Amino acid sequence: MSERIIKTDAEWREALDPETYRVTRQAGTERPFSHPGFPQGPGHYECVCCGARLFDGDAKFESHCGWPSFSQPGGAIDEHRDLSHGMIRTEVRCHRCDAHLGHVFPDGPPPTGLRYCINGVALRFVPGAG
């Protein structure tokens, strides 16, 4: 796995557009259905902040929740307990740069039963053989 990336808040602000900064560095959430049409199939999704591989394209599915959804991780993610907003959830972050990606829920399709609900602004699709 690649070396961890650590930047100051000022460096992240300079590198990212305001919405991407708000979501990935301040644990925000983008509006639902604001990133339609993400590809599914050959390729993978990487962290928009650091380029770490996060999800395989064939793990993407349509959950109709308003955010890109994946049935399993395909790379460098960390999971953390999130007690914000009066709920108990599992937050998903990039292992390499600690970017907030979204949350994982136990209501996904077989065989994992998981739904990684990820902010589209945090992802970049890389087409290819996987």
Protein backbone atom coordinates (compact mmCIF):
# COMPACT_ATOMS: atom_id res chain seq x y z
CA MET A 1 0.00 0.00 0.00
CA SER A 2 1.19 3.52 -0.71
CA GLU A 3 2.62 5.79 1.93
CA ARG A 4 0.16 7.83 3.98
CA ILE A 5 -0.47 11.38 2.82
CA ILE A 6 -0.60 14.13 5.41
CA LYS A 7 -1.29 17.75 4.46
CA THR A 8 -2.17 20.84 6.42
CA ASP A 9 -5.68 22.20 6.29
CA ALA A 10 -4.41 25.07 4.13
CA GLU A 11 -2.83 22.63 1.67
CA TRP A 12 -6.11 20.65 1.37
CA ARG A 13 -8.08 23.88 0.85
CA GLU A 14 -5.73 24.89 -1.94
CA ALA A 15 -5.80 21.47 -3.63
CA LEU A 16 -9.57 20.87 -3.56
CA ASP A 17 -12.64 22.75 -4.75
CA PRO A 18 -14.88 24.02 -1.91
CA GLU A 19 -17.47 21.20 -2.10
CA THR A 20 -14.85 18.45 -2.26
CA TYR A 21 -13.03 20.04 0.67
CA ARG A 22 -16.25 20.29 2.72
CA VAL A 23 -17.16 16.64 2.12
CA THR A 24 -13.75 14.96 2.31
CA ARG A 25 -11.95 17.08 4.90
CA GLN A 26 -14.90 18.20 7.08
CA ALA A 27 -16.98 14.98 6.93
CA GLY A 28 -19.77 16.62 4.97
CA THR A 29 -22.40 15.01 2.77
CA GLU A 30 -23.22 16.09 -0.77
CA ARG A 31 -26.80 16.45 -1.94
CA PRO A 32 -28.38 13.13 -2.96
CA PHE A 33 -28.52 12.45 -6.71
CA SER A 34 -25.89 15.14 -7.39
CA HIS A 35 -23.52 12.64 -9.12
CA PRO A 36 -25.64 10.44 -11.41
CA GLY A 37 -24.15 8.21 -14.06
CA PHE A 38 -21.04 6.84 -12.40
CA PRO A 39 -19.89 3.87 -14.50
CA GLN A 40 -20.19 0.27 -13.37
CA GLY A 41 -17.97 -2.48 -14.72
CA PRO A 42 -14.34 -2.70 -15.79
CA GLY A 43 -12.23 -0.24 -13.86
CA HIS A 44 -12.00 1.04 -10.34
CA TYR A 45 -12.81 4.03 -8.19
CA GLU A 46 -10.09 5.98 -6.47
CA CYS A 47 -9.93 8.69 -3.82
CA VAL A 48 -10.17 12.11 -5.44
CA CYS A 49 -7.82 13.52 -2.78
CA CYS A 50 -4.89 11.10 -3.10
CA GLY A 51 -5.56 8.54 -5.86
CA ALA A 52 -5.76 5.51 -3.56
CA ARG A 53 -7.77 2.63 -5.00
CA LEU A 54 -11.04 2.27 -3.06
CA PHE A 55 -13.68 0.23 -4.93
CA ASP A 56 -13.77 -2.04 -8.00
CA GLY A 57 -16.21 -1.00 -10.69
CA ASP A 58 -18.03 -4.34 -10.62
CA ALA A 59 -18.86 -3.85 -6.90
CA LYS A 60 -20.98 -0.80 -7.77
CA PHE A 61 -24.74 -1.26 -7.76
CA GLU A 62 -27.82 0.94 -8.02
CA SER A 63 -29.32 1.33 -4.56
CA HIS A 64 -31.58 4.29 -5.46
CA CYS A 65 -30.38 6.08 -2.31
CA GLY A 66 -28.94 9.09 -4.16
CA TRP A 67 -25.24 8.30 -3.72
CA PRO A 68 -22.91 5.83 -5.46
CA SER A 69 -23.17 2.46 -3.69
CA PHE A 70 -20.77 -0.46 -3.55
CA SER A 71 -21.19 -3.95 -2.10
CA GLN A 72 -17.60 -4.29 -0.90
CA PRO A 73 -14.36 -2.34 -0.73
CA GLY A 74 -11.66 -3.02 -3.27
CA GLY A 75 -8.84 -1.11 -1.67
CA ALA A 76 -7.64 1.21 1.03
CA ILE A 77 -10.55 2.08 3.29
CA ASP A 78 -10.84 2.39 7.05
CA GLU A 79 -14.06 2.15 9.03
CA HIS A 80 -14.79 4.18 12.18
CA ARG A 81 -17.72 4.41 14.55
CA ASP A 82 -19.65 7.64 13.90
CA LEU A 83 -21.94 8.96 16.65
CA SER A 84 -22.80 12.26 14.95
CA HIS A 85 -26.34 13.44 14.21
CA GLY A 86 -27.82 11.33 17.03
CA MET A 87 -27.16 8.06 15.19
CA ILE A 88 -24.73 5.17 15.41
CA ARG A 89 -23.18 4.62 11.99
CA THR A 90 -19.97 3.32 10.47
CA GLU A 91 -18.01 6.01 8.68
CA VAL A 92 -15.78 5.09 5.74
CA ARG A 93 -12.47 6.96 5.25
CA CYS A 94 -9.57 6.65 2.83
CA HIS A 95 -6.74 4.77 4.53
CA ARG A 96 -4.08 6.74 2.68
CA CYS A 97 -5.20 10.35 3.29
CA ASP A 98 -8.04 10.06 5.83
CA ALA A 99 -10.60 11.62 3.48
CA HIS A 100 -14.21 11.18 4.56
CA LEU A 101 -15.93 9.07 1.89
CA GLY A 102 -19.34 8.20 3.34
CA HIS A 103 -20.85 5.39 5.44
CA VAL A 104 -21.45 1.65 5.26
CA PHE A 105 -24.84 0.11 6.07
CA PRO A 106 -26.00 -3.51 6.54
CA ASP A 107 -28.73 -3.33 3.87
CA GLY A 108 -26.82 -4.17 0.69
CA PRO A 109 -27.10 -7.05 -1.78
CA PRO A 110 -25.70 -10.57 -1.36
CA PRO A 111 -23.17 -11.93 -0.83
CA THR A 112 -21.88 -9.24 1.59
CA GLY A 113 -25.17 -7.65 2.62
CA LEU A 114 -23.30 -4.33 2.81
CA ARG A 115 -23.96 -1.00 1.13
CA TYR A 116 -21.02 1.38 1.04
CA CYS A 117 -22.84 4.66 0.48
CA ILE A 118 -20.16 7.02 -0.84
CA ASN A 119 -20.16 10.70 -1.73
CA GLY A 120 -19.62 10.99 -5.47
CA VAL A 121 -17.48 14.10 -5.05
CA ALA A 122 -14.95 11.93 -3.16
CA LEU A 123 -14.52 9.49 -6.08
CA ARG A 124 -12.85 9.36 -9.48
CA PHE A 125 -13.51 6.47 -11.90
CA VAL A 126 -10.52 4.93 -13.67
CA PRO A 127 -11.64 2.76 -16.60
CA GLY A 128 -9.73 -0.39 -17.41
CA ALA A 129 -9.34 -4.06 -16.67
CA GLY A 130 -9.71 -3.57 -12.95
